[in-house]
Amino acid sequence: MNGIVLAAATNPPQADFSQDNVWIVIGKAVLILICALVSVIIAIWFERKVIARLQQRIGPNVRGPMGLFQLVYDAMKLLLKEDINVRRADKLVYIVAPGISVAASLMVFAVIPVGGQVKIPFTDISTPLQLTDFPVAVLYILAVTAVGVYGIVLGGWASRATYSLLGSVRSTAQIISYELAMGMSLVTVFIMSGTMSTSGIVSSQEKLWYCVMLAPSFFLYIISMIGETNRLPFDLPEAEGELVAGYMTEYSSMKFAWFFLAEYINMLNVSAVCTTLFLGGWRAPWPLSTLWDGALNTGYWTILWFLAKTWLLMFVFVWVRGTVVRLRYDQFMRLGWKGLLPLALAWIVILTAIRAIDEFTDYHFNSWAVPLLSWVLVVFLIIWYWPIKEPKEDATPAEDVVIDPFADGFPVPPLPGQVLPPSPRSAGEAITVPADTVTLPVVTASEEEA
């Protein structure tokens, strides 16, 4: 087989919507909305149970079987909780901001192919399991996700609070930094597939998935999608330890729930996009894809493969959150600008050169050349950035230095190698109070009664 690059770069077949009518389109849109909301409920339960298992805890297990009804109680709590509005807030923007985030998150699945061509029961109509598709569908996804950040930015700005504003500013910088790396990782998919249509990209992965052929782009996207959705270790816009939930600090009740809903829908969105662009979409994994003359790649079987891959990526989200600590802001920005972006640009240049050689010369790369090169690059980067522990110096520990914690007028905790003087209470000594210390009068019980 001469040149998998040249073979994949031809225009792959796209989904056929010729038999869709208005009612089919409306039905698909309603199913997308229902499935997105139900998936969020499942994702919340899934995350709590998986993190509990990772951290050797029990997790929700009281309300209903395996704690499934706990989600109903949480939803009722948000519905019935007092809706507090900030008096100084910009009322209109303050209320509209959560709706912008949710609306943008729900629009992404419009171009995601959840399955292949299927036949509607009790009819002769054949339709793809996808609402719509067009030649620049992936650019539509990037545009919609970029609009979604306006909900976060406007929500923090309209609250007129310091922590909320800091969270929204951090979100702006985060989206700009990691949207670039994510877009660059997708450019290599366009080069290899020859199309920006989501159904066309799935069709171009019939022989080999792009997570194997374009391994650096796949790992770049995995890192960028975690940063794009504000999840640990990249949840700098929320940062409960320092910003008290950041841009959501001044929100409560259902307005808070809308932001919460948008975050989990965005997790499903980026997982579905990764499945579509890198994991073969709705196609069965090898070697199942070759069994029974490819029967597992037809009909409603395709939904099973798509959901399995998407929820595997959802597990990656939860796994990372339960095991990795939050980065500092400077580390976070350094990773985006000095790590991911230069690597993505270099990989694009390499693939463009390979594509040009394959297209305009008589030399054609074999089917294994590009995957081998991509994995060699991945292994090289792992070795290059692997932390090397320096040998510890055999130095004799210095004696502990006794310090005066009140030397500067206020108590200071001891640093490593420093100790506090013994407490006078332990030695039975009298405690001397400085002359300039203000003491409160002691009131006896008889004086209180009087």
Protein backbone atom coordinates (compact mmCIF):
# COMPACT_ATOMS: atom_id res chain seq x y z
CA MET A 1 0.00 0.00 0.00
CA ASN A 2 1.68 3.19 -1.19
CA GLY A 3 1.44 6.11 1.12
CA ILE A 4 -1.29 6.17 3.69
CA VAL A 5 -0.79 9.93 3.68
CA LEU A 6 -1.79 10.24 0.00
CA ALA A 7 -4.66 7.79 0.43
CA ALA A 8 -6.09 9.59 3.42
CA ALA A 9 -5.70 13.03 1.89
CA THR A 10 -8.37 12.42 -0.78
CA ASN A 11 -11.88 13.63 -0.04
CA PRO A 12 -13.45 10.94 2.17
CA PRO A 13 -17.20 10.23 1.94
CA GLN A 14 -19.48 12.27 4.16
CA ALA A 15 -22.82 11.54 5.80
CA ASP A 16 -25.92 11.50 3.62
CA PHE A 17 -28.80 13.65 4.92
CA SER A 18 -30.87 13.52 1.72
CA GLN A 19 -33.76 11.60 3.33
CA ASP A 20 -34.05 13.80 6.44
CA ASN A 21 -37.20 15.88 6.80
CA VAL A 22 -38.18 18.54 9.32
CA TRP A 23 -39.56 16.06 11.85
CA ILE A 24 -36.42 13.93 11.78
CA VAL A 25 -34.26 17.02 12.37
CA ILE A 26 -36.46 18.13 15.28
CA GLY A 27 -36.40 14.62 16.74
CA LYS A 28 -32.60 14.48 16.55
CA ALA A 29 -32.30 17.89 18.24
CA VAL A 30 -34.62 16.84 21.08
CA LEU A 31 -32.71 13.58 21.57
CA ILE A 32 -29.42 15.49 21.74
CA LEU A 33 -30.84 17.78 24.44
CA ILE A 34 -32.26 14.90 26.50
CA CYS A 35 -29.12 12.77 26.18
CA ALA A 36 -26.90 15.70 27.17
CA LEU A 37 -28.87 16.38 30.35
CA VAL A 38 -29.06 12.70 31.30
CA SER A 39 -25.35 12.26 30.59
CA VAL A 40 -24.53 15.11 32.99
CA ILE A 41 -26.44 13.33 35.76
CA ILE A 42 -24.58 10.11 35.05
CA ALA A 43 -21.25 11.98 34.84
CA ILE A 44 -21.68 13.53 38.29
CA TRP A 45 -22.44 10.15 39.86
CA PHE A 46 -19.65 8.51 37.87
CA GLU A 47 -17.10 11.09 39.01
CA ARG A 48 -18.01 10.80 42.69
CA LYS A 49 -17.87 7.01 42.65
CA VAL A 50 -14.59 6.80 40.72
CA ILE A 51 -12.84 9.39 42.88
CA ALA A 52 -14.09 7.59 45.98
CA ARG A 53 -12.59 4.35 44.70
CA LEU A 54 -9.30 6.05 43.77
CA GLN A 55 -9.03 7.61 47.22
CA GLN A 56 -10.27 4.47 49.04
CA ARG A 57 -13.53 6.03 50.17
CA ILE A 58 -17.10 4.80 49.93
CA GLY A 59 -18.74 7.63 48.03
CA PRO A 60 -22.53 8.05 47.71
CA ASN A 61 -24.20 4.81 48.77
CA VAL A 62 -27.20 5.71 50.97
CA ARG A 63 -29.77 7.34 48.69
CA GLY A 64 -30.98 4.55 46.44
CA PRO A 65 -29.01 1.63 44.94
CA MET A 66 -25.32 2.54 44.74
CA GLY A 67 -26.22 6.11 45.69
CA LEU A 68 -27.99 6.86 42.40
CA PHE A 69 -30.79 8.86 44.06
CA GLN A 70 -28.25 11.19 45.66
CA LEU A 71 -28.27 13.13 42.39
CA VAL A 72 -32.01 13.74 42.77
CA TYR A 73 -31.45 15.16 46.24
CA ASP A 74 -28.66 17.41 44.97
CA ALA A 75 -30.84 18.70 42.14
CA MET A 76 -33.72 19.41 44.54
CA LYS A 77 -31.34 21.25 46.84
CA LEU A 78 -30.28 23.56 44.01
CA LEU A 79 -33.88 24.10 42.92
CA LEU A 80 -35.13 24.96 46.39
CA LYS A 81 -32.10 26.91 47.54
CA GLU A 82 -32.53 30.66 48.03
CA ASP A 83 -31.64 32.58 44.89
CA ILE A 84 -29.39 35.41 46.08
CA ASN A 85 -28.74 38.33 43.75
CA VAL A 86 -25.84 40.71 44.22
CA ARG A 87 -27.11 44.25 44.71
CA ARG A 88 -24.14 45.87 42.96
CA ALA A 89 -24.18 43.46 40.01
CA ASP A 90 -25.07 44.35 36.44
CA LYS A 91 -28.49 42.69 36.56
CA LEU A 92 -28.98 41.78 32.91
CA VAL A 93 -25.47 40.44 32.25
CA TYR A 94 -25.42 38.73 35.66
CA ILE A 95 -28.51 36.69 34.75
CA VAL A 96 -27.71 36.08 31.06
CA ALA A 97 -24.09 34.87 31.59
CA PRO A 98 -24.94 31.32 32.80
CA GLY A 99 -27.34 30.91 29.88
CA ILE A 100 -24.59 31.79 27.40
CA SER A 101 -22.35 29.04 28.78
CA VAL A 102 -25.10 26.41 28.66
CA ALA A 103 -26.36 27.37 25.19
CA ALA A 104 -22.86 27.24 23.72
CA SER A 105 -22.16 23.85 25.30
CA LEU A 106 -25.37 22.35 23.90
CA MET A 107 -24.56 23.45 20.33
CA VAL A 108 -21.42 21.35 19.92
CA PHE A 109 -23.16 17.98 19.54
CA ALA A 110 -25.02 19.24 16.47
CA VAL A 111 -22.12 18.15 14.23
CA ILE A 112 -20.87 15.12 16.19
CA PRO A 113 -21.54 11.79 14.41
CA VAL A 114 -22.79 9.57 17.24
CA GLY A 115 -23.24 6.61 14.87
CA GLY A 116 -23.30 5.52 11.28
CA GLN A 117 -26.15 5.25 8.80
CA VAL A 118 -29.20 3.59 10.38
CA LYS A 119 -32.74 2.81 9.34
CA ILE A 120 -35.54 4.38 11.38
CA PRO A 121 -37.80 1.61 12.78
CA PHE A 122 -41.13 1.04 10.99
CA THR A 123 -40.08 3.25 8.08
CA ASP A 124 -37.94 3.03 4.96
CA ILE A 125 -36.00 6.17 5.84
CA SER A 126 -32.24 5.83 6.30
CA THR A 127 -30.43 8.60 8.18
CA PRO A 128 -27.04 9.13 9.85
CA LEU A 129 -26.95 9.42 13.64
CA GLN A 130 -25.92 13.05 13.37
CA LEU A 131 -27.94 16.25 13.36
CA THR A 132 -26.01 18.00 10.59
CA ASP A 133 -22.61 18.30 8.96
CA PHE A 134 -20.84 20.73 6.65
CA PRO A 135 -17.34 21.19 5.20
CA VAL A 136 -16.07 23.32 8.11
CA ALA A 137 -17.78 21.50 11.00
CA VAL A 138 -14.64 21.37 13.17
CA LEU A 139 -14.18 25.13 12.83
CA TYR A 140 -17.79 25.49 13.97
CA ILE A 141 -16.91 23.49 17.10
CA LEU A 142 -13.94 25.75 17.85
CA ALA A 143 -16.06 28.85 17.33
CA VAL A 144 -18.84 27.65 19.63
CA THR A 145 -16.44 26.69 22.41
CA ALA A 146 -14.80 30.11 22.12
CA VAL A 147 -18.21 31.79 22.53
CA GLY A 148 -18.89 29.68 25.64
CA VAL A 149 -16.10 31.41 27.53
CA TYR A 150 -18.03 34.68 27.29
CA GLY A 151 -20.45 33.28 29.85
CA ILE A 152 -17.60 32.81 32.33
CA VAL A 153 -16.02 36.19 31.61
CA LEU A 154 -19.29 38.11 31.75
CA GLY A 155 -20.41 36.27 34.86
CA GLY A 156 -17.27 37.24 36.74
CA TRP A 157 -17.33 40.82 35.46
CA ALA A 158 -21.04 41.40 36.14
CA SER A 159 -20.72 40.18 39.74
CA ARG A 160 -18.61 43.25 40.61
CA ALA A 161 -16.57 41.22 43.09
CA THR A 162 -12.80 40.85 43.32
CA TYR A 163 -12.61 37.06 43.38
CA SER A 164 -15.16 36.72 40.58
CA LEU A 165 -13.28 39.20 38.40
CA LEU A 166 -9.96 37.43 39.00
CA GLY A 167 -11.54 34.10 38.02
CA SER A 168 -12.96 35.54 34.80
CA VAL A 169 -9.62 37.15 33.85
CA ARG A 170 -7.83 33.87 34.47
CA SER A 171 -10.39 32.11 32.30
CA THR A 172 -9.72 34.52 29.44
CA ALA A 173 -5.97 33.90 29.58
CA GLN A 174 -6.53 30.16 29.89
CA ILE A 175 -8.79 29.93 26.85
CA ILE A 176 -6.43 32.01 24.70
CA SER A 177 -3.45 29.87 25.72
CA TYR A 178 -4.94 26.40 25.35
CA GLU A 179 -7.31 27.15 22.47
CA LEU A 180 -4.22 27.77 20.35
CA ALA A 181 -2.62 24.46 21.27
CA MET A 182 -5.90 22.61 20.71
CA GLY A 183 -6.40 24.23 17.31
CA MET A 184 -2.85 23.40 16.27
CA SER A 185 -3.35 19.75 17.24
CA LEU A 186 -6.44 19.62 15.00
CA VAL A 187 -4.60 21.11 12.00
CA THR A 188 -2.64 17.88 11.61
CA VAL A 189 -5.93 15.96 11.39
CA PHE A 190 -7.05 18.27 8.57
CA ILE A 191 -3.77 17.68 6.76
CA MET A 192 -4.08 13.91 6.96
CA SER A 193 -7.81 13.61 6.26
CA GLY A 194 -8.14 16.35 3.65
CA THR A 195 -11.41 17.60 5.15
CA MET A 196 -12.87 19.50 8.13
CA SER A 197 -16.15 17.61 8.05
CA THR A 198 -16.64 15.45 11.15
CA SER A 199 -18.26 12.58 9.25
CA GLY A 200 -15.53 12.79 6.62
CA ILE A 201 -12.81 12.59 9.29
CA VAL A 202 -14.46 9.47 10.75
CA SER A 203 -14.56 7.92 7.26
CA SER A 204 -10.86 8.64 6.74
CA GLN A 205 -9.99 6.57 9.84
CA GLU A 206 -11.35 3.34 8.38
CA LYS A 207 -7.89 1.73 8.17
CA LEU A 208 -5.97 3.45 10.97
CA TRP A 209 -7.08 5.75 13.78
CA TYR A 210 -5.38 9.12 14.09
CA CYS A 211 -4.47 8.50 17.74
CA VAL A 212 -1.96 5.99 16.34
CA MET A 213 -0.94 7.88 13.24
CA LEU A 214 -0.80 11.31 14.94
CA ALA A 215 0.19 10.39 18.49
CA PRO A 216 1.74 13.81 19.37
CA SER A 217 -1.44 15.59 18.26
CA PHE A 218 -3.55 13.16 20.27
CA PHE A 219 -1.65 13.79 23.50
CA LEU A 220 -1.60 17.54 22.85
CA TYR A 221 -5.37 17.47 22.50
CA ILE A 222 -5.80 15.44 25.70
CA ILE A 223 -3.83 18.03 27.69
CA SER A 224 -5.54 20.96 25.99
CA MET A 225 -9.05 19.61 26.52
CA ILE A 226 -8.46 19.40 30.28
CA GLY A 227 -7.29 23.01 30.28
CA GLU A 228 -10.17 24.05 28.03
CA THR A 229 -12.79 22.73 30.45
CA ASN A 230 -11.23 24.27 33.61
CA ARG A 231 -10.68 20.90 35.24
CA LEU A 232 -7.98 19.91 37.70
CA PRO A 233 -5.04 20.43 37.54
CA PHE A 234 -6.03 23.41 35.34
CA ASP A 235 -9.02 24.77 37.28
CA LEU A 236 -7.39 28.16 37.82
CA PRO A 237 -10.60 30.16 37.09
CA GLU A 238 -12.36 28.39 39.99
CA ALA A 239 -9.48 27.62 42.41
CA GLU A 240 -11.56 27.01 45.54
CA GLY A 241 -8.48 27.26 47.75
CA GLU A 242 -7.67 30.84 46.71
CA LEU A 243 -10.57 32.34 44.75
CA VAL A 244 -13.47 30.64 46.59
CA ALA A 245 -14.92 29.21 43.31
CA GLY A 246 -13.76 32.18 41.24
CA TYR A 247 -16.23 33.46 38.66
CA MET A 248 -19.08 31.53 40.36
CA THR A 249 -18.50 33.01 43.83
CA GLU A 250 -21.51 35.35 43.71
CA TYR A 251 -23.89 32.81 42.11
CA SER A 252 -26.31 30.54 43.94
CA SER A 253 -29.28 28.26 43.34
CA MET A 254 -30.08 27.53 39.68
CA LYS A 255 -27.77 30.19 38.24
CA PHE A 256 -24.89 28.34 39.89
CA ALA A 257 -26.34 25.07 38.57
CA TRP A 258 -26.25 26.42 35.00
CA PHE A 259 -22.50 27.00 35.23
CA PHE A 260 -22.11 23.56 36.80
CA LEU A 261 -24.17 22.02 33.99
CA ALA A 262 -22.14 23.77 31.29
CA GLU A 263 -18.87 22.46 32.75
CA TYR A 264 -19.97 18.83 32.60
CA ILE A 265 -21.53 19.18 29.15
CA ASN A 266 -18.24 20.66 27.94
CA MET A 267 -16.42 17.63 29.34
CA LEU A 268 -18.70 15.42 27.24
CA ASN A 269 -18.19 17.71 24.24
CA VAL A 270 -14.40 17.60 24.20
CA SER A 271 -14.48 13.84 24.84
CA ALA A 272 -16.85 13.35 21.90
CA VAL A 273 -14.67 15.56 19.67
CA CYS A 274 -11.58 13.55 20.65
CA THR A 275 -13.45 10.33 19.88
CA THR A 276 -14.47 11.68 16.48
CA LEU A 277 -11.11 13.09 15.42
CA PHE A 278 -8.63 10.65 16.96
CA LEU A 279 -10.36 7.42 18.04
CA GLY A 280 -12.20 6.48 14.87
CA GLY A 281 -15.52 7.96 15.91
CA TRP A 282 -18.28 5.35 15.90
CA ARG A 283 -16.10 2.64 14.33
CA ALA A 284 -15.41 -0.53 16.29
CA PRO A 285 -11.87 -0.99 17.60
CA TRP A 286 -9.49 -3.41 15.92
CA PRO A 287 -9.79 -6.45 15.64
CA LEU A 288 -13.56 -6.27 16.25
CA SER A 289 -13.91 -4.00 13.23
CA THR A 290 -12.80 -6.86 10.95
CA LEU A 291 -15.14 -9.52 12.37
CA TRP A 292 -18.34 -10.61 10.63
CA ASP A 293 -17.48 -8.66 7.48
CA GLY A 294 -17.58 -5.37 9.36
CA ALA A 295 -21.08 -5.92 10.74
CA LEU A 296 -20.11 -4.21 14.01
CA ASN A 297 -19.51 -0.98 12.06
CA THR A 298 -23.09 -0.78 10.83
CA GLY A 299 -26.48 -0.03 12.35
CA TYR A 300 -27.07 0.76 15.98
CA TRP A 301 -23.91 -1.10 17.07
CA THR A 302 -22.02 2.06 16.22
CA ILE A 303 -23.63 3.95 19.12
CA LEU A 304 -22.09 1.44 21.54
CA TRP A 305 -18.54 2.05 20.29
CA PHE A 306 -18.97 5.82 20.34
CA LEU A 307 -20.29 5.85 23.92
CA ALA A 308 -17.57 3.44 25.11
CA LYS A 309 -14.79 5.67 23.78
CA THR A 310 -16.40 8.87 25.06
CA TRP A 311 -16.83 7.54 28.59
CA LEU A 312 -13.29 6.18 28.56
CA LEU A 313 -12.12 9.76 28.06
CA MET A 314 -14.50 10.88 30.82
CA PHE A 315 -12.68 8.42 33.07
CA VAL A 316 -9.41 10.14 32.13
CA PHE A 317 -10.90 13.45 33.35
CA VAL A 318 -11.84 11.91 36.69
CA TRP A 319 -8.58 9.99 37.00
CA VAL A 320 -6.52 13.14 36.51
CA ARG A 321 -8.64 15.08 38.99
CA GLY A 322 -8.23 12.42 41.67
CA THR A 323 -4.46 12.06 41.32
CA VAL A 324 -2.90 15.38 40.21
CA VAL A 325 -2.66 18.56 42.27
CA ARG A 326 -3.40 22.04 40.93
CA LEU A 327 -0.59 23.83 39.10
CA ARG A 328 0.60 27.29 39.96
CA TYR A 329 -0.51 29.95 37.52
CA ASP A 330 3.01 30.54 36.17
CA GLN A 331 3.49 26.79 35.63
CA PHE A 332 0.16 26.62 33.87
CA MET A 333 0.95 29.44 31.43
CA ARG A 334 4.49 28.18 30.85
CA LEU A 335 3.14 24.77 29.86
CA GLY A 336 0.77 26.31 27.33
CA TRP A 337 3.06 28.86 25.69
CA LYS A 338 6.51 27.28 26.03
CA GLY A 339 5.55 23.61 25.93
CA LEU A 340 2.42 22.75 23.98
CA LEU A 341 2.38 25.53 21.37
CA PRO A 342 5.99 25.15 20.07
CA LEU A 343 5.58 21.37 19.96
CA ALA A 344 2.34 21.66 18.00
CA LEU A 345 3.92 24.07 15.50
CA ALA A 346 6.95 21.83 14.98
CA TRP A 347 4.74 18.78 14.43
CA ILE A 348 2.66 20.68 11.86
CA VAL A 349 5.81 21.62 9.93
CA ILE A 350 6.99 18.00 9.90
CA LEU A 351 3.66 16.65 8.66
CA THR A 352 3.34 19.40 6.05
CA ALA A 353 6.77 18.49 4.69
CA ILE A 354 5.83 14.82 4.56
CA ARG A 355 2.57 15.66 2.81
CA ALA A 356 4.34 17.87 0.27
CA ILE A 357 6.95 15.20 -0.50
CA ASP A 358 4.22 12.60 -0.94
CA GLU A 359 2.12 14.87 -3.16
CA PHE A 360 4.68 16.57 -5.43
CA THR A 361 7.44 13.97 -5.78
CA ASP A 362 7.64 10.38 -6.93
CA TYR A 363 8.53 9.17 -3.43
CA HIS A 364 5.64 7.84 -1.34
CA PHE A 365 5.88 7.03 2.34
CA ASN A 366 4.89 3.57 3.41
CA SER A 367 1.83 3.04 5.62
CA TRP A 368 3.98 2.66 8.73
CA ALA A 369 6.26 5.68 8.21
CA VAL A 370 4.12 8.42 9.73
CA PRO A 371 2.90 6.38 12.76
CA LEU A 372 6.47 5.27 13.47
CA LEU A 373 7.74 8.84 13.26
CA SER A 374 4.98 10.11 15.56
CA TRP A 375 5.67 7.54 18.25
CA VAL A 376 9.43 8.11 18.02
CA LEU A 377 8.72 11.77 18.69
CA VAL A 378 6.49 10.91 21.66
CA VAL A 379 9.16 8.65 23.20
CA PHE A 380 11.83 11.32 22.65
CA LEU A 381 9.72 13.96 24.41
CA ILE A 382 9.02 11.63 27.34
CA ILE A 383 12.74 10.96 27.77
CA TRP A 384 13.60 14.66 27.33
CA TYR A 385 11.13 15.92 29.92
CA TRP A 386 11.38 13.03 32.37
CA PRO A 387 12.35 14.46 35.76
CA ILE A 388 15.82 13.44 36.87
CA LYS A 389 16.34 13.23 40.61
CA GLU A 390 19.69 14.62 41.67
CA PRO A 391 21.59 12.63 44.29
CA LYS A 392 21.20 14.02 47.75
CA GLU A 393 24.27 15.43 49.41
CA ASP A 394 25.42 13.63 52.54
CA ALA A 395 25.45 16.68 54.77
CA THR A 396 25.24 16.47 58.51
CA PRO A 397 22.08 18.12 59.74
CA ALA A 398 22.66 21.44 61.42
CA GLU A 399 21.56 21.98 64.98
CA ASP A 400 18.17 23.49 65.50
CA VAL A 401 18.21 27.24 66.04
CA VAL A 402 15.98 28.62 68.77
CA ILE A 403 14.13 31.74 67.57
CA ASP A 404 12.01 34.35 69.23
CA PRO A 405 8.59 34.26 67.50
CA PHE A 406 7.71 37.76 68.76
CA ALA A 407 10.92 39.42 67.60
CA ASP A 408 9.14 41.57 64.97
CA GLY A 409 6.11 42.33 67.08
CA PHE A 410 3.84 39.55 65.84
CA PRO A 411 4.00 35.74 66.11
CA VAL A 412 5.93 33.98 63.32
CA PRO A 413 5.88 30.17 62.92
CA PRO A 414 9.27 28.43 62.81
CA LEU A 415 10.89 27.53 59.52
CA PRO A 416 12.61 24.18 58.87
CA GLY A 417 15.63 23.99 61.15
CA GLN A 418 14.16 26.43 63.65
CA VAL A 419 12.46 25.64 66.94
CA LEU A 420 10.48 27.66 69.43
CA PRO A 421 11.72 28.21 72.99
CA PRO A 422 10.13 25.99 75.63
CA SER A 423 6.76 27.18 76.86
CA PRO A 424 6.89 28.82 80.33
CA ARG A 425 3.69 26.98 81.22
CA SER A 426 5.42 23.62 80.92
CA ALA A 427 8.18 24.73 83.34
CA GLY A 428 5.73 26.29 85.82
CA GLU A 429 7.23 29.74 85.31
CA ALA A 430 5.26 32.96 85.56
CA ILE A 431 4.10 34.41 82.27
CA THR A 432 5.21 37.99 81.83
CA VAL A 433 2.97 40.29 79.86
CA PRO A 434 4.56 43.22 78.03
CA ALA A 435 3.77 46.62 79.48
CA ASP A 436 2.16 47.92 76.29
CA THR A 437 -0.25 44.98 76.04
CA VAL A 438 -3.92 45.92 76.42
CA THR A 439 -5.72 43.59 78.83
CA LEU A 440 -9.43 43.23 79.28
CA PRO A 441 -10.95 43.45 82.79
CA VAL A 442 -11.99 40.16 84.31
CA VAL A 443 -15.68 40.05 85.23
CA THR A 444 -16.68 37.67 87.98
CA ALA A 445 -19.95 35.74 88.13
CA SER A 446 -21.35 37.95 90.95
CA GLU A 447 -20.65 41.07 88.89
CA GLU A 448 -22.45 39.51 85.89
CA GLU A 449 -25.53 38.80 88.04
CA ALA A 450 -25.48 42.34 89.38
